[in-house]
Amino acid sequence: MRRWRVPRPGKASGLLKASNLWKALGVAGFLGVAATGAVIVRSERRRRAYTPEEIRERLHARLDEEEPGRRP
């Protein structure tokens, strides 16, 4: 008859350690994706906060900095 060993409270088996590692990696990956999405949404809000006239003025100003006098 085979005796079953009960793991000690302070010691984790190799399988338990590996599953905790994968769980931690999964949570870290999820948080990374969530943070990236938040950054994208934030920059999109900033971009959409300009009116078309403001965008046009900014583009013309950038064009004048690059090539003065070439404005249409």
C-alpha atoms as a PDB file:
ATOM      1  CA  MET A   1       0.000   0.000   0.000  1.00  0.00           C
ATOM      2  CA  ARG A   2       1.250   3.448  -0.906  1.00  0.00           C
ATOM      3  CA  ARG A   3       1.548   6.189   1.660  1.00  0.00           C
ATOM      4  CA  TRP A   4       0.435   9.654   0.689  1.00  0.00           C
ATOM      5  CA  ARG A   5       2.617  12.525   1.753  1.00  0.00           C
ATOM      6  CA  VAL A   6       0.857  15.621   2.966  1.00  0.00           C
ATOM      7  CA  PRO A   7       2.722  18.778   1.942  1.00  0.00           C
ATOM      8  CA  ARG A   8       3.962  20.926   4.761  1.00  0.00           C
ATOM      9  CA  PRO A   9       2.271  24.301   5.157  1.00  0.00           C
ATOM     10  CA  GLY A  10       5.471  26.252   4.396  1.00  0.00           C
ATOM     11  CA  LYS A  11       6.461  24.209   1.354  1.00  0.00           C
ATOM     12  CA  ALA A  12       4.727  24.389  -2.021  1.00  0.00           C
ATOM     13  CA  SER A  13       5.004  21.710  -4.629  1.00  0.00           C
ATOM     14  CA  GLY A  14       6.616  22.477  -7.994  1.00  0.00           C
ATOM     15  CA  LEU A  15       3.248  22.487  -9.741  1.00  0.00           C
ATOM     16  CA  LEU A  16       1.811  25.016  -7.312  1.00  0.00           C
ATOM     17  CA  LYS A  17       4.815  27.313  -7.757  1.00  0.00           C
ATOM     18  CA  ALA A  18       4.527  27.109 -11.537  1.00  0.00           C
ATOM     19  CA  SER A  19       0.801  27.874 -11.491  1.00  0.00           C
ATOM     20  CA  ASN A  20       1.402  30.890  -9.264  1.00  0.00           C
ATOM     21  CA  LEU A  21       4.058  32.089 -11.688  1.00  0.00           C
ATOM     22  CA  TRP A  22       1.687  31.752 -14.656  1.00  0.00           C
ATOM     23  CA  LYS A  23      -1.071  33.446 -12.702  1.00  0.00           C
ATOM     24  CA  ALA A  24       1.220  36.378 -11.868  1.00  0.00           C
ATOM     25  CA  LEU A  25       2.351  36.644 -15.498  1.00  0.00           C
ATOM     26  CA  GLY A  26      -1.261  36.620 -16.662  1.00  0.00           C
ATOM     27  CA  VAL A  27      -2.242  39.375 -14.253  1.00  0.00           C
ATOM     28  CA  ALA A  28       0.804  41.431 -15.275  1.00  0.00           C
ATOM     29  CA  GLY A  29      -0.074  40.984 -18.948  1.00  0.00           C
ATOM     30  CA  PHE A  30      -3.668  42.008 -18.338  1.00  0.00           C
ATOM     31  CA  LEU A  31      -2.562  45.125 -16.467  1.00  0.00           C
ATOM     32  CA  GLY A  32      -0.166  45.997 -19.278  1.00  0.00           C
ATOM     33  CA  VAL A  33      -2.918  45.739 -21.883  1.00  0.00           C
ATOM     34  CA  ALA A  34      -5.273  47.818 -19.733  1.00  0.00           C
ATOM     35  CA  ALA A  35      -2.629  50.514 -19.198  1.00  0.00           C
ATOM     36  CA  THR A  36      -1.851  50.642 -22.919  1.00  0.00           C
ATOM     37  CA  GLY A  37      -5.538  51.034 -23.719  1.00  0.00           C
ATOM     38  CA  ALA A  38      -5.846  53.856 -21.203  1.00  0.00           C
ATOM     39  CA  VAL A  39      -2.907  55.703 -22.775  1.00  0.00           C
ATOM     40  CA  ILE A  40      -4.389  55.328 -26.261  1.00  0.00           C
ATOM     41  CA  VAL A  41      -7.794  56.616 -25.147  1.00  0.00           C
ATOM     42  CA  ARG A  42      -6.176  59.533 -23.376  1.00  0.00           C
ATOM     43  CA  SER A  43      -4.172  60.597 -26.431  1.00  0.00           C
ATOM     44  CA  GLU A  44      -7.243  60.183 -28.638  1.00  0.00           C
ATOM     45  CA  ARG A  45      -9.204  62.537 -26.381  1.00  0.00           C
ATOM     46  CA  ARG A  46      -6.439  65.109 -26.576  1.00  0.00           C
ATOM     47  CA  ARG A  47      -6.338  64.824 -30.349  1.00  0.00           C
ATOM     48  CA  ARG A  48     -10.090  65.218 -30.717  1.00  0.00           C
ATOM     49  CA  ALA A  49     -10.193  68.214 -28.382  1.00  0.00           C
ATOM     50  CA  TYR A  50      -9.040  70.520 -31.214  1.00  0.00           C
ATOM     51  CA  THR A  51     -11.496  72.177 -33.558  1.00  0.00           C
ATOM     52  CA  PRO A  52     -10.855  71.849 -37.298  1.00  0.00           C
ATOM     53  CA  GLU A  53      -9.817  75.526 -37.428  1.00  0.00           C
ATOM     54  CA  GLU A  54      -7.241  74.986 -34.682  1.00  0.00           C
ATOM     55  CA  ILE A  55      -5.818  71.976 -36.494  1.00  0.00           C
ATOM     56  CA  ARG A  56      -5.621  73.937 -39.745  1.00  0.00           C
ATOM     57  CA  GLU A  57      -3.848  76.839 -37.992  1.00  0.00           C
ATOM     58  CA  ARG A  58      -1.360  74.487 -36.363  1.00  0.00           C
ATOM     59  CA  LEU A  59      -0.620  72.728 -39.640  1.00  0.00           C
ATOM     60  CA  HIS A  60      -0.102  76.052 -41.431  1.00  0.00           C
ATOM     61  CA  ALA A  61       2.226  77.216 -38.641  1.00  0.00           C
ATOM     62  CA  ARG A  62       4.264  74.010 -38.942  1.00  0.00           C
ATOM     63  CA  LEU A  63       4.436  74.413 -42.707  1.00  0.00           C
ATOM     64  CA  ASP A  64       5.632  78.022 -42.341  1.00  0.00           C
ATOM     65  CA  GLU A  65       8.368  76.870 -39.953  1.00  0.00           C
ATOM     66  CA  GLU A  66       9.550  74.280 -42.475  1.00  0.00           C
ATOM     67  CA  GLU A  67       9.247  76.324 -45.682  1.00  0.00           C
ATOM     68  CA  PRO A  68       8.395  80.009 -45.195  1.00  0.00           C
ATOM     69  CA  GLY A  69       6.178  81.496 -47.884  1.00  0.00           C
ATOM     70  CA  ARG A  70       4.978  78.180 -49.358  1.00  0.00           C
ATOM     71  CA  ARG A  71       1.501  78.359 -47.874  1.00  0.00           C
ATOM     72  CA  PRO A  72      -1.387  77.823 -50.305  1.00  0.00           C
END
